[in-house]
Amino acid sequence: MTAAVLFVLAAAAGTIARAEINRWLNRPNGFPFGTLVVNVTGSFLLGLAADIAPPALTVLGVGGLGAYTTFSGLAGDAIALAARRRATSAAMYVAFSCVGGIAAAACGLAVSRSLS
């Protein structure tokens, strides 16, 4: 199977996983837990995969996890919270997403390196 086909399959799997997690966790006009969970777990998985060979990292990291995680979703969710006069929730969401994502990526990388 070519790298392009694997890339497309990984991206499709990432997109479907994100959609299902969002469907399961998000509620109309509620806190965007789905996007938060997706972005933090995706960051952990990318950290975990950081040391794999470049062709596989491209397929998994850019294709699968790139489609799984969503910065635009984070931005849109934060704006929607603020528009509903939930500025504190919006600020907490952005902070948890950014700090949590970076911490999760660092943890994933640490786990990966401890196993090798």
PDB file of N, CA and C in Angstrom:
ATOM      1  N   MET A   1       0.851  -1.170   0.000  1.00  0.00           N
ATOM      2  CA  MET A   1       0.000   0.000   0.000  1.00  0.00           C
ATOM      3  C   MET A   1       0.899   1.236   0.000  1.00  0.00           C
ATOM      4  N   THR A   2       0.559   2.210  -0.801  1.00  0.00           N
ATOM      5  CA  THR A   2       1.407   3.394  -0.901  1.00  0.00           C
ATOM      6  C   THR A   2       1.227   4.296   0.315  1.00  0.00           C
ATOM      7  N   ALA A   3       2.220   5.156   0.513  1.00  0.00           N
ATOM      8  CA  ALA A   3       2.162   6.092   1.638  1.00  0.00           C
ATOM      9  C   ALA A   3       0.959   7.023   1.522  1.00  0.00           C
ATOM     10  N   ALA A   4       0.616   7.413   0.310  1.00  0.00           N
ATOM     11  CA  ALA A   4      -0.533   8.310   0.117  1.00  0.00           C
ATOM     12  C   ALA A   4      -1.836   7.645   0.552  1.00  0.00           C
ATOM     13  N   VAL A   5      -1.996   6.378   0.224  1.00  0.00           N
ATOM     14  CA  VAL A   5      -3.209   5.653   0.622  1.00  0.00           C
ATOM     15  C   VAL A   5      -3.250   5.507   2.144  1.00  0.00           C
ATOM     16  N   LEU A   6      -2.126   5.166   2.756  1.00  0.00           N
ATOM     17  CA  LEU A   6      -2.062   5.058   4.216  1.00  0.00           C
ATOM     18  C   LEU A   6      -2.363   6.400   4.882  1.00  0.00           C
ATOM     19  N   PHE A   7      -1.856   7.468   4.288  1.00  0.00           N
ATOM     20  CA  PHE A   7      -2.110   8.816   4.806  1.00  0.00           C
ATOM     21  C   PHE A   7      -3.606   9.122   4.799  1.00  0.00           C
ATOM     22  N   VAL A   8      -4.253   8.842   3.673  1.00  0.00           N
ATOM     23  CA  VAL A   8      -5.694   9.100   3.543  1.00  0.00           C
ATOM     24  C   VAL A   8      -6.489   8.244   4.535  1.00  0.00           C
ATOM     25  N   LEU A   9      -6.116   6.983   4.677  1.00  0.00           N
ATOM     26  CA  LEU A   9      -6.814   6.108   5.627  1.00  0.00           C
ATOM     27  C   LEU A   9      -6.632   6.585   7.070  1.00  0.00           C
ATOM     28  N   ALA A  10      -5.419   7.013   7.409  1.00  0.00           N
ATOM     29  CA  ALA A  10      -5.163   7.529   8.756  1.00  0.00           C
ATOM     30  C   ALA A  10      -5.960   8.808   8.999  1.00  0.00           C
ATOM     31  N   ALA A  11      -6.005   9.679   7.999  1.00  0.00           N
ATOM     32  CA  ALA A  11      -6.774  10.924   8.130  1.00  0.00           C
ATOM     33  C   ALA A  11      -8.262  10.634   8.287  1.00  0.00           C
ATOM     34  N   ALA A  12      -8.759   9.682   7.533  1.00  0.00           N
ATOM     35  CA  ALA A  12     -10.176   9.313   7.651  1.00  0.00           C
ATOM     36  C   ALA A  12     -10.469   8.764   9.046  1.00  0.00           C
ATOM     37  N   ALA A  13      -9.591   7.905   9.549  1.00  0.00           N
ATOM     38  CA  ALA A  13      -9.783   7.344  10.891  1.00  0.00           C
ATOM     39  C   ALA A  13      -9.742   8.442  11.952  1.00  0.00           C
ATOM     40  N   GLY A  14      -8.810   9.380  11.814  1.00  0.00           N
ATOM     41  CA  GLY A  14      -8.714  10.488  12.763  1.00  0.00           C
ATOM     42  C   GLY A  14      -9.949  11.368  12.750  1.00  0.00           C
ATOM     43  N   THR A  15     -10.452  11.642  11.563  1.00  0.00           N
ATOM     44  CA  THR A  15     -11.649  12.477  11.428  1.00  0.00           C
ATOM     45  C   THR A  15     -12.865  11.801  12.047  1.00  0.00           C
ATOM     46  N   ILE A  16     -13.028  10.526  11.769  1.00  0.00           N
ATOM     47  CA  ILE A  16     -14.168   9.781  12.321  1.00  0.00           C
ATOM     48  C   ILE A  16     -14.074   9.711  13.845  1.00  0.00           C
ATOM     49  N   ALA A  17     -12.879   9.446  14.362  1.00  0.00           N
ATOM     50  CA  ALA A  17     -12.699   9.377  15.820  1.00  0.00           C
ATOM     51  C   ALA A  17     -13.047  10.715  16.469  1.00  0.00           C
ATOM     52  N   ARG A  18     -12.568  11.818  15.876  1.00  0.00           N
ATOM     53  CA  ARG A  18     -12.876  13.146  16.431  1.00  0.00           C
ATOM     54  C   ARG A  18     -14.373  13.410  16.411  1.00  0.00           C
ATOM     55  N   ALA A  19     -15.019  13.111  15.306  1.00  0.00           N
ATOM     56  CA  ALA A  19     -16.463  13.348  15.189  1.00  0.00           C
ATOM     57  C   ALA A  19     -17.241  12.542  16.226  1.00  0.00           C
ATOM     58  N   GLU A  20     -16.848  11.295  16.429  1.00  0.00           N
ATOM     59  CA  GLU A  20     -17.557  10.448  17.394  1.00  0.00           C
ATOM     60  C   GLU A  20     -17.332  10.914  18.835  1.00  0.00           C
ATOM     61  N   ILE A  21     -16.109  11.299  19.162  1.00  0.00           N
ATOM     62  CA  ILE A  21     -15.837  11.797  20.512  1.00  0.00           C
ATOM     63  C   ILE A  21     -16.606  13.092  20.756  1.00  0.00           C
ATOM     64  N   ASN A  22     -16.612  13.982  19.766  1.00  0.00           N
ATOM     65  CA  ASN A  22     -17.384  15.223  19.910  1.00  0.00           C
ATOM     66  C   ASN A  22     -18.874  14.935  20.052  1.00  0.00           C
ATOM     67  N   ARG A  23     -19.376  13.995  19.286  1.00  0.00           N
ATOM     68  CA  ARG A  23     -20.799  13.640  19.367  1.00  0.00           C
ATOM     69  C   ARG A  23     -21.131  13.078  20.747  1.00  0.00           C
ATOM     70  N   TRP A  24     -20.226  12.310  21.290  1.00  0.00           N
ATOM     71  CA  TRP A  24     -20.439  11.665  22.575  1.00  0.00           C
ATOM     72  C   TRP A  24     -20.330  12.650  23.746  1.00  0.00           C
ATOM     73  N   LEU A  25     -19.364  13.581  23.686  1.00  0.00           N
ATOM     74  CA  LEU A  25     -19.079  14.437  24.840  1.00  0.00           C
ATOM     75  C   LEU A  25     -19.674  15.842  24.784  1.00  0.00           C
ATOM     76  N   ASN A  26     -19.874  16.386  23.596  1.00  0.00           N
ATOM     77  CA  ASN A  26     -20.361  17.766  23.504  1.00  0.00           C
ATOM     78  C   ASN A  26     -21.873  17.829  23.606  1.00  0.00           C
ATOM     79  N   ARG A  27     -22.342  18.885  24.238  1.00  0.00           N
ATOM     80  CA  ARG A  27     -23.770  19.156  24.340  1.00  0.00           C
ATOM     81  C   ARG A  27     -24.024  20.537  23.752  1.00  0.00           C
ATOM     82  N   PRO A  28     -25.182  20.739  23.128  1.00  0.00           N
ATOM     83  CA  PRO A  28     -25.482  22.067  22.573  1.00  0.00           C
ATOM     84  C   PRO A  28     -25.356  23.149  23.652  1.00  0.00           C
ATOM     85  N   ASN A  29     -24.656  24.204  23.300  1.00  0.00           N
ATOM     86  CA  ASN A  29     -24.431  25.348  24.196  1.00  0.00           C
ATOM     87  C   ASN A  29     -23.709  24.990  25.488  1.00  0.00           C
ATOM     88  N   GLY A  30     -23.025  23.858  25.503  1.00  0.00           N
ATOM     89  CA  GLY A  30     -22.281  23.447  26.688  1.00  0.00           C
ATOM     90  C   GLY A  30     -20.786  23.655  26.509  1.00  0.00           C
ATOM     91  N   PHE A  31     -20.032  23.253  27.503  1.00  0.00           N
ATOM     92  CA  PHE A  31     -18.576  23.326  27.449  1.00  0.00           C
ATOM     93  C   PHE A  31     -18.081  22.298  26.436  1.00  0.00           C
ATOM     94  N   PRO A  32     -17.126  22.663  25.577  1.00  0.00           N
ATOM     95  CA  PRO A  32     -16.669  21.766  24.508  1.00  0.00           C
ATOM     96  C   PRO A  32     -15.697  20.682  24.996  1.00  0.00           C
ATOM     97  N   PHE A  33     -16.189  19.785  25.836  1.00  0.00           N
ATOM     98  CA  PHE A  33     -15.342  18.722  26.377  1.00  0.00           C
ATOM     99  C   PHE A  33     -14.774  17.828  25.278  1.00  0.00           C
ATOM    100  N   GLY A  34     -15.548  17.565  24.242  1.00  0.00           N
ATOM    101  CA  GLY A  34     -15.083  16.697  23.168  1.00  0.00           C
ATOM    102  C   GLY A  34     -13.824  17.216  22.509  1.00  0.00           C
ATOM    103  N   THR A  35     -13.831  18.481  22.137  1.00  0.00           N
ATOM    104  CA  THR A  35     -12.658  19.069  21.486  1.00  0.00           C
ATOM    105  C   THR A  35     -11.478  19.115  22.442  1.00  0.00           C
ATOM    106  N   LEU A  36     -11.729  19.408  23.704  1.00  0.00           N
ATOM    107  CA  LEU A  36     -10.656  19.418  24.700  1.00  0.00           C
ATOM    108  C   LEU A  36     -10.032  18.031  24.826  1.00  0.00           C
ATOM    109  N   VAL A  37     -10.850  17.008  24.940  1.00  0.00           N
ATOM    110  CA  VAL A  37     -10.355  15.630  25.057  1.00  0.00           C
ATOM    111  C   VAL A  37      -9.580  15.228  23.808  1.00  0.00           C
ATOM    112  N   VAL A  38     -10.118  15.542  22.645  1.00  0.00           N
ATOM    113  CA  VAL A  38      -9.462  15.201  21.383  1.00  0.00           C
ATOM    114  C   VAL A  38      -8.094  15.877  21.290  1.00  0.00           C
ATOM    115  N   ASN A  39      -8.027  17.163  21.578  1.00  0.00           N
ATOM    116  CA  ASN A  39      -6.761  17.871  21.432  1.00  0.00           C
ATOM    117  C   ASN A  39      -5.715  17.420  22.447  1.00  0.00           C
ATOM    118  N   VAL A  40      -6.124  17.146  23.676  1.00  0.00           N
ATOM    119  CA  VAL A  40      -5.152  16.711  24.686  1.00  0.00           C
ATOM    120  C   VAL A  40      -4.694  15.278  24.419  1.00  0.00           C
ATOM    121  N   THR A  41      -5.614  14.376  24.099  1.00  0.00           N
ATOM    122  CA  THR A  41      -5.193  12.999  23.799  1.00  0.00           C
ATOM    123  C   THR A  41      -4.382  12.941  22.508  1.00  0.00           C
ATOM    124  N   GLY A  42      -4.750  13.751  21.531  1.00  0.00           N
ATOM    125  CA  GLY A  42      -3.975  13.801  20.290  1.00  0.00           C
ATOM    126  C   GLY A  42      -2.562  14.302  20.528  1.00  0.00           C
ATOM    127  N   SER A  43      -2.413  15.283  21.414  1.00  0.00           N
ATOM    128  CA  SER A  43      -1.082  15.786  21.760  1.00  0.00           C
ATOM    129  C   SER A  43      -0.254  14.706  22.447  1.00  0.00           C
ATOM    130  N   PHE A  44      -0.882  13.961  23.354  1.00  0.00           N
ATOM    131  CA  PHE A  44      -0.185  12.855  24.019  1.00  0.00           C
ATOM    132  C   PHE A  44       0.279  11.822  22.988  1.00  0.00           C
ATOM    133  N   LEU A  45      -0.617  11.447  22.092  1.00  0.00           N
ATOM    134  CA  LEU A  45      -0.279  10.435  21.086  1.00  0.00           C
ATOM    135  C   LEU A  45       0.815  10.920  20.143  1.00  0.00           C
ATOM    136  N   LEU A  46       0.801  12.203  19.795  1.00  0.00           N
ATOM    137  CA  LEU A  46       1.858  12.734  18.936  1.00  0.00           C
ATOM    138  C   LEU A  46       3.195  12.719  19.667  1.00  0.00           C
ATOM    139  N   GLY A  47       3.190  13.062  20.960  1.00  0.00           N
ATOM    140  CA  GLY A  47       4.418  12.955  21.743  1.00  0.00           C
ATOM    141  C   GLY A  47       4.910  11.522  21.814  1.00  0.00           C
ATOM    142  N   LEU A  48       3.986  10.594  21.988  1.00  0.00           N
ATOM    143  CA  LEU A  48       4.317   9.172  22.039  1.00  0.00           C
ATOM    144  C   LEU A  48       4.938   8.698  20.723  1.00  0.00           C
ATOM    145  N   ALA A  49       4.471   9.247  19.617  1.00  0.00           N
ATOM    146  CA  ALA A  49       4.921   8.823  18.289  1.00  0.00           C
ATOM    147  C   ALA A  49       6.100   9.631  17.756  1.00  0.00           C
ATOM    148  N   ALA A  50       6.566  10.606  18.500  1.00  0.00           N
ATOM    149  CA  ALA A  50       7.555  11.550  17.977  1.00  0.00           C
ATOM    150  C   ALA A  50       8.849  10.903  17.498  1.00  0.00           C
ATOM    151  N   ASP A  51       9.228   9.793  18.066  1.00  0.00           N
ATOM    152  CA  ASP A  51      10.502   9.174  17.706  1.00  0.00           C
ATOM    153  C   ASP A  51      10.393   8.054  16.675  1.00  0.00           C
ATOM    154  N   ILE A  52       9.225   7.857  16.080  1.00  0.00           N
ATOM    155  CA  ILE A  52       9.124   6.821  15.053  1.00  0.00           C
ATOM    156  C   ILE A  52       9.689   7.340  13.735  1.00  0.00           C
ATOM    157  N   ALA A  53       9.948   6.440  12.816  1.00  0.00           N
ATOM    158  CA  ALA A  53      10.572   6.788  11.537  1.00  0.00           C
ATOM    159  C   ALA A  53       9.727   7.814  10.783  1.00  0.00           C
ATOM    160  N   PRO A  54      10.389   8.745  10.071  1.00  0.00           N
ATOM    161  CA  PRO A  54       9.666   9.824   9.383  1.00  0.00           C
ATOM    162  C   PRO A  54       8.510   9.396   8.477  1.00  0.00           C
ATOM    163  N   PRO A  55       8.627   8.356   7.653  1.00  0.00           N
ATOM    164  CA  PRO A  55       7.455   8.033   6.826  1.00  0.00           C
ATOM    165  C   PRO A  55       6.233   7.650   7.666  1.00  0.00           C
ATOM    166  N   ALA A  56       6.456   6.867   8.712  1.00  0.00           N
ATOM    167  CA  ALA A  56       5.343   6.470   9.582  1.00  0.00           C
ATOM    168  C   ALA A  56       4.834   7.657  10.389  1.00  0.00           C
ATOM    169  N   LEU A  57       5.743   8.531  10.818  1.00  0.00           N
ATOM    170  CA  LEU A  57       5.339   9.718  11.571  1.00  0.00           C
ATOM    171  C   LEU A  57       4.488  10.642  10.706  1.00  0.00           C
ATOM    172  N   THR A  58       4.808  10.743   9.435  1.00  0.00           N
ATOM    173  CA  THR A  58       4.000  11.564   8.529  1.00  0.00           C
ATOM    174  C   THR A  58       2.594  10.999   8.414  1.00  0.00           C
ATOM    175  N   VAL A  59       2.490   9.700   8.223  1.00  0.00           N
ATOM    176  CA  VAL A  59       1.171   9.067   8.097  1.00  0.00           C
ATOM    177  C   VAL A  59       0.394   9.199   9.399  1.00  0.00           C
ATOM    178  N   LEU A  60       1.016   8.824  10.510  1.00  0.00           N
ATOM    179  CA  LEU A  60       0.326   8.843  11.797  1.00  0.00           C
ATOM    180  C   LEU A  60       0.159  10.263  12.342  1.00  0.00           C
ATOM    181  N   GLY A  61       1.249  11.019  12.360  1.00  0.00           N
ATOM    182  CA  GLY A  61       1.214  12.351  12.973  1.00  0.00           C
ATOM    183  C   GLY A  61       0.457  13.378  12.166  1.00  0.00           C
ATOM    184  N   VAL A  62       0.798  13.503  10.907  1.00  0.00           N
ATOM    185  CA  VAL A  62       0.147  14.515  10.069  1.00  0.00           C
ATOM    186  C   VAL A  62      -1.203  14.017   9.575  1.00  0.00           C
ATOM    187  N   GLY A  63      -1.240  12.784   9.095  1.00  0.00           N
ATOM    188  CA  GLY A  63      -2.494  12.248   8.570  1.00  0.00           C
ATOM    189  C   GLY A  63      -3.500  11.948   9.658  1.00  0.00           C
ATOM    190  N   GLY A  64      -3.185  10.996  10.512  1.00  0.00           N
ATOM    191  CA  GLY A  64      -4.140  10.547  11.524  1.00  0.00           C
ATOM    192  C   GLY A  64      -4.386  11.552  12.628  1.00  0.00           C
ATOM    193  N   LEU A  65      -3.311  11.986  13.291  1.00  0.00           N
ATOM    194  CA  LEU A  65      -3.484  12.896  14.425  1.00  0.00           C
ATOM    195  C   LEU A  65      -3.766  14.322  13.978  1.00  0.00           C
ATOM    196  N   GLY A  66      -3.295  14.689  12.791  1.00  0.00           N
ATOM    197  CA  GLY A  66      -3.639  16.006  12.245  1.00  0.00           C
ATOM    198  C   GLY A  66      -5.126  16.124  11.968  1.00  0.00           C
ATOM    199  N   ALA A  67      -5.730  15.037  11.524  1.00  0.00           N
ATOM    200  CA  ALA A  67      -7.180  15.031  11.279  1.00  0.00           C
ATOM    201  C   ALA A  67      -7.956  14.851  12.577  1.00  0.00           C
ATOM    202  N   TYR A  68      -7.350  14.183  13.540  1.00  0.00           N
ATOM    203  CA  TYR A  68      -8.004  13.933  14.829  1.00  0.00           C
ATOM    204  C   TYR A  68      -8.087  15.214  15.668  1.00  0.00           C
ATOM    205  N   THR A  69      -6.987  15.940  15.753  1.00  0.00           N
ATOM    206  CA  THR A  69      -6.964  17.168  16.548  1.00  0.00           C
ATOM    207  C   THR A  69      -7.465  18.343  15.722  1.00  0.00           C
ATOM    208  N   THR A  70      -7.797  19.445  16.403  1.00  0.00           N
ATOM    209  CA  THR A  70      -8.374  20.571  15.672  1.00  0.00           C
ATOM    210  C   THR A  70      -8.123  21.896  16.375  1.00  0.00           C
ATOM    211  N   PHE A  71      -7.208  22.672  15.837  1.00  0.00           N
ATOM    212  CA  PHE A  71      -6.987  24.010  16.384  1.00  0.00           C
ATOM    213  C   PHE A  71      -8.132  24.934  15.998  1.00  0.00           C
ATOM    214  N   SER A  72      -8.641  24.776  14.800  1.00  0.00           N
ATOM    215  CA  SER A  72      -9.762  25.629  14.379  1.00  0.00           C
ATOM    216  C   SER A  72     -10.996  25.357  15.234  1.00  0.00           C
ATOM    217  N   GLY A  73     -11.195  24.108  15.630  1.00  0.00           N
ATOM    218  CA  GLY A  73     -12.296  23.787  16.534  1.00  0.00           C
ATOM    219  C   GLY A  73     -12.112  24.449  17.888  1.00  0.00           C
ATOM    220  N   LEU A  74     -10.882  24.448  18.385  1.00  0.00           N
ATOM    221  CA  LEU A  74     -10.563  25.124  19.640  1.00  0.00           C
ATOM    222  C   LEU A  74     -10.907  26.604  19.539  1.00  0.00           C
ATOM    223  N   ALA A  75     -10.462  27.246  18.467  1.00  0.00           N
ATOM    224  CA  ALA A  75     -10.732  28.677  18.289  1.00  0.00           C
ATOM    225  C   ALA A  75     -12.230  28.952  18.185  1.00  0.00           C
ATOM    226  N   GLY A  76     -12.918  28.166  17.385  1.00  0.00           N
ATOM    227  CA  GLY A  76     -14.359  28.356  17.221  1.00  0.00           C
ATOM    228  C   GLY A  76     -15.128  28.135  18.509  1.00  0.00           C
ATOM    229  N   ASP A  77     -14.737  27.110  19.262  1.00  0.00           N
ATOM    230  CA  ASP A  77     -15.399  26.836  20.540  1.00  0.00           C
ATOM    231  C   ASP A  77     -15.173  27.974  21.536  1.00  0.00           C
ATOM    232  N   ALA A  78     -13.943  28.499  21.582  1.00  0.00           N
ATOM    233  CA  ALA A  78     -13.639  29.598  22.506  1.00  0.00           C
ATOM    234  C   ALA A  78     -14.446  30.844  22.147  1.00  0.00           C
ATOM    235  N   ILE A  79     -14.540  31.137  20.859  1.00  0.00           N
ATOM    236  CA  ILE A  79     -15.324  32.293  20.417  1.00  0.00           C
ATOM    237  C   ILE A  79     -16.802  32.090  20.741  1.00  0.00           C
ATOM    238  N   ALA A  80     -17.303  30.878  20.536  1.00  0.00           N
ATOM    239  CA  ALA A  80     -18.713  30.595  20.836  1.00  0.00           C
ATOM    240  C   ALA A  80     -18.999  30.750  22.329  1.00  0.00           C
ATOM    241  N   LEU A  81     -18.091  30.275  23.176  1.00  0.00           N
ATOM    242  CA  LEU A  81     -18.272  30.449  24.623  1.00  0.00           C
ATOM    243  C   LEU A  81     -18.294  31.932  24.988  1.00  0.00           C
ATOM    244  N   ALA A  82     -17.347  32.684  24.444  1.00  0.00           N
ATOM    245  CA  ALA A  82     -17.290  34.119  24.737  1.00  0.00           C
ATOM    246  C   ALA A  82     -18.539  34.839  24.231  1.00  0.00           C
ATOM    247  N   ALA A  83     -19.030  34.445  23.065  1.00  0.00           N
ATOM    248  CA  ALA A  83     -20.235  35.075  22.505  1.00  0.00           C
ATOM    249  C   ALA A  83     -21.461  34.809  23.370  1.00  0.00           C
ATOM    250  N   ARG A  84     -21.445  33.708  24.096  1.00  0.00           N
ATOM    251  CA  ARG A  84     -22.557  33.395  25.006  1.00  0.00           C
ATOM    252  C   ARG A  84     -22.316  33.987  26.396  1.00  0.00           C
ATOM    253  N   ARG A  85     -21.399  34.944  26.448  1.00  0.00           N
ATOM    254  CA  ARG A  85     -21.057  35.643  27.694  1.00  0.00           C
ATOM    255  C   ARG A  85     -20.507  34.690  28.752  1.00  0.00           C
ATOM    256  N   ARG A  86     -19.720  33.761  28.276  1.00  0.00           N
ATOM    257  CA  ARG A  86     -19.062  32.811  29.179  1.00  0.00           C
ATOM    258  C   ARG A  86     -17.553  32.981  29.035  1.00  0.00           C
ATOM    259  N   ALA A  87     -17.100  34.220  29.253  1.00  0.00           N
ATOM    260  CA  ALA A  87     -15.689  34.559  29.052  1.00  0.00           C
ATOM    261  C   ALA A  87     -14.771  33.746  29.957  1.00  0.00           C
ATOM    262  N   THR A  88     -15.179  33.508  31.191  1.00  0.00           N
ATOM    263  CA  THR A  88     -14.350  32.715  32.101  1.00  0.00           C
ATOM    264  C   THR A  88     -14.211  31.285  31.589  1.00  0.00           C
ATOM    265  N   SER A  89     -15.308  30.716  31.122  1.00  0.00           N
ATOM    266  CA  SER A  89     -15.251  29.365  30.547  1.00  0.00           C
ATOM    267  C   SER A  89     -14.372  29.345  29.306  1.00  0.00           C
ATOM    268  N   ALA A  90     -14.478  30.377  28.475  1.00  0.00           N
ATOM    269  CA  ALA A  90     -13.652  30.456  27.265  1.00  0.00           C
ATOM    270  C   ALA A  90     -12.175  30.525  27.629  1.00  0.00           C
ATOM    271  N   ALA A  91     -11.831  31.358  28.603  1.00  0.00           N
ATOM    272  CA  ALA A  91     -10.431  31.486  29.021  1.00  0.00           C
ATOM    273  C   ALA A  91      -9.915  30.182  29.625  1.00  0.00           C
ATOM    274  N   MET A  92     -10.733  29.533  30.450  1.00  0.00           N
ATOM    275  CA  MET A  92     -10.331  28.248  31.035  1.00  0.00           C
ATOM    276  C   MET A  92     -10.145  27.192  29.951  1.00  0.00           C
ATOM    277  N   TYR A  93     -11.026  27.189  28.978  1.00  0.00           N
ATOM    278  CA  TYR A  93     -10.955  26.228  27.874  1.00  0.00           C
ATOM    279  C   TYR A  93      -9.661  26.398  27.092  1.00  0.00           C
ATOM    280  N   VAL A  94      -9.331  27.639  26.743  1.00  0.00           N
ATOM    281  CA  VAL A  94      -8.092  27.900  26.002  1.00  0.00           C
ATOM    282  C   VAL A  94      -6.884  27.516  26.855  1.00  0.00           C
ATOM    283  N   ALA A  95      -6.896  27.884  28.127  1.00  0.00           N
ATOM    284  CA  ALA A  95      -5.769  27.559  29.008  1.00  0.00           C
ATOM    285  C   ALA A  95      -5.607  26.049  29.176  1.00  0.00           C
ATOM    286  N   PHE A  96      -6.705  25.351  29.467  1.00  0.00           N
ATOM    287  CA  PHE A  96      -6.630  23.891  29.621  1.00  0.00           C
ATOM    288  C   PHE A  96      -6.173  23.230  28.325  1.00  0.00           C
ATOM    289  N   SER A  97      -6.654  23.723  27.201  1.00  0.00           N
ATOM    290  CA  SER A  97      -6.287  23.142  25.910  1.00  0.00           C
ATOM    291  C   SER A  97      -4.807  23.327  25.626  1.00  0.00           C
ATOM    292  N   CYS A  98      -4.309  24.545  25.816  1.00  0.00           N
ATOM    293  CA  CYS A  98      -2.904  24.820  25.497  1.00  0.00           C
ATOM    294  C   CYS A  98      -1.949  24.178  26.498  1.00  0.00           C
ATOM    295  N   VAL A  99      -2.170  24.437  27.772  1.00  0.00           N
ATOM    296  CA  VAL A  99      -1.286  23.871  28.800  1.00  0.00           C
ATOM    297  C   VAL A  99      -1.432  22.352  28.842  1.00  0.00           C
ATOM    298  N   GLY A 100      -2.670  21.880  28.795  1.00  0.00           N
ATOM    299  CA  GLY A 100      -2.904  20.437  28.806  1.00  0.00           C
ATOM    300  C   GLY A 100      -2.314  19.743  27.593  1.00  0.00           C
ATOM    301  N   GLY A 101      -2.436  20.369  26.434  1.00  0.00           N
ATOM    302  CA  GLY A 101      -1.886  19.785  25.213  1.00  0.00           C
ATOM    303  C   GLY A 101      -0.373  19.689  25.249  1.00  0.00           C
ATOM    304  N   ILE A 102       0.276  20.751  25.698  1.00  0.00           N
ATOM    305  CA  ILE A 102       1.739  20.740  25.781  1.00  0.00           C
ATOM    306  C   ILE A 102       2.201  19.734  26.837  1.00  0.00           C
ATOM    307  N   ALA A 103       1.541  19.716  27.978  1.00  0.00           N
ATOM    308  CA  ALA A 103       1.897  18.750  29.028  1.00  0.00           C
ATOM    309  C   ALA A 103       1.674  17.316  28.550  1.00  0.00           C
ATOM    310  N   ALA A 104       0.576  17.092  27.844  1.00  0.00           N
ATOM    311  CA  ALA A 104       0.286  15.746  27.334  1.00  0.00           C
ATOM    312  C   ALA A 104       1.329  15.316  26.307  1.00  0.00           C
ATOM    313  N   ALA A 105       1.736  16.229  25.430  1.00  0.00           N
ATOM    314  CA  ALA A 105       2.773  15.902  24.444  1.00  0.00           C
ATOM    315  C   ALA A 105       4.089  15.568  25.141  1.00  0.00           C
ATOM    316  N   ALA A 106       4.442  16.342  26.157  1.00  0.00           N
ATOM    317  CA  ALA A 106       5.671  16.069  26.912  1.00  0.00           C
ATOM    318  C   ALA A 106       5.589  14.715  27.611  1.00  0.00           C
ATOM    319  N   CYS A 107       4.436  14.396  28.173  1.00  0.00           N
ATOM    320  CA  CYS A 107       4.250  13.087  28.820  1.00  0.00           C
ATOM    321  C   CYS A 107       4.357  11.955  27.805  1.00  0.00           C
ATOM    322  N   GLY A 108       3.733  12.127  26.655  1.00  0.00           N
ATOM    323  CA  GLY A 108       3.816  11.114  25.608  1.00  0.00           C
ATOM    324  C   GLY A 108       5.246  10.876  25.165  1.00  0.00           C
ATOM    325  N   LEU A 109       5.992  11.959  24.990  1.00  0.00           N
ATOM    326  CA  LEU A 109       7.396  11.842  24.601  1.00  0.00           C
ATOM    327  C   LEU A 109       8.203  11.144  25.696  1.00  0.00           C
ATOM    328  N   ALA A 110       7.951  11.490  26.951  1.00  0.00           N
ATOM    329  CA  ALA A 110       8.660  10.850  28.063  1.00  0.00           C
ATOM    330  C   ALA A 110       8.356   9.356  28.125  1.00  0.00           C
ATOM    331  N   VAL A 111       7.103   8.995  27.935  1.00  0.00           N
ATOM    332  CA  VAL A 111       6.729   7.573  27.928  1.00  0.00           C
ATOM    333  C   VAL A 111       7.430   6.858  26.784  1.00  0.00           C
ATOM    334  N   SER A 112       7.409   7.463  25.608  1.00  0.00           N
ATOM    335  CA  SER A 112       8.047   6.861  24.436  1.00  0.00           C
ATOM    336  C   SER A 112       9.533   6.624  24.675  1.00  0.00           C
ATOM    337  N   ARG A 113      10.194   7.608  25.219  1.00  0.00           N
ATOM    338  CA  ARG A 113      11.642   7.490  25.434  1.00  0.00           C
ATOM    339  C   ARG A 113      11.972   6.534  26.574  1.00  0.00           C
ATOM    340  N   SER A 114      11.078   6.398  27.539  1.00  0.00           N
ATOM    341  CA  SER A 114      11.334   5.451  28.630  1.00  0.00           C
ATOM    342  C   SER A 114      11.167   4.005  28.167  1.00  0.00           C
ATOM    343  N   LEU A 115      10.394   3.812  27.103  1.00  0.00           N
ATOM    344  CA  LEU A 115      10.171   2.464  26.576  1.00  0.00           C
ATOM    345  C   LEU A 115      11.241   2.032  25.577  1.00  0.00           C
ATOM    346  N   SER A 116      12.017   2.988  25.082  1.00  0.00           N
ATOM    347  CA  SER A 116      13.020   2.623  24.058  1.00  0.00           C
ATOM    348  C   SER A 116      14.404   2.488  24.629  1.00  0.00           C
TER     349      SER A 116
END
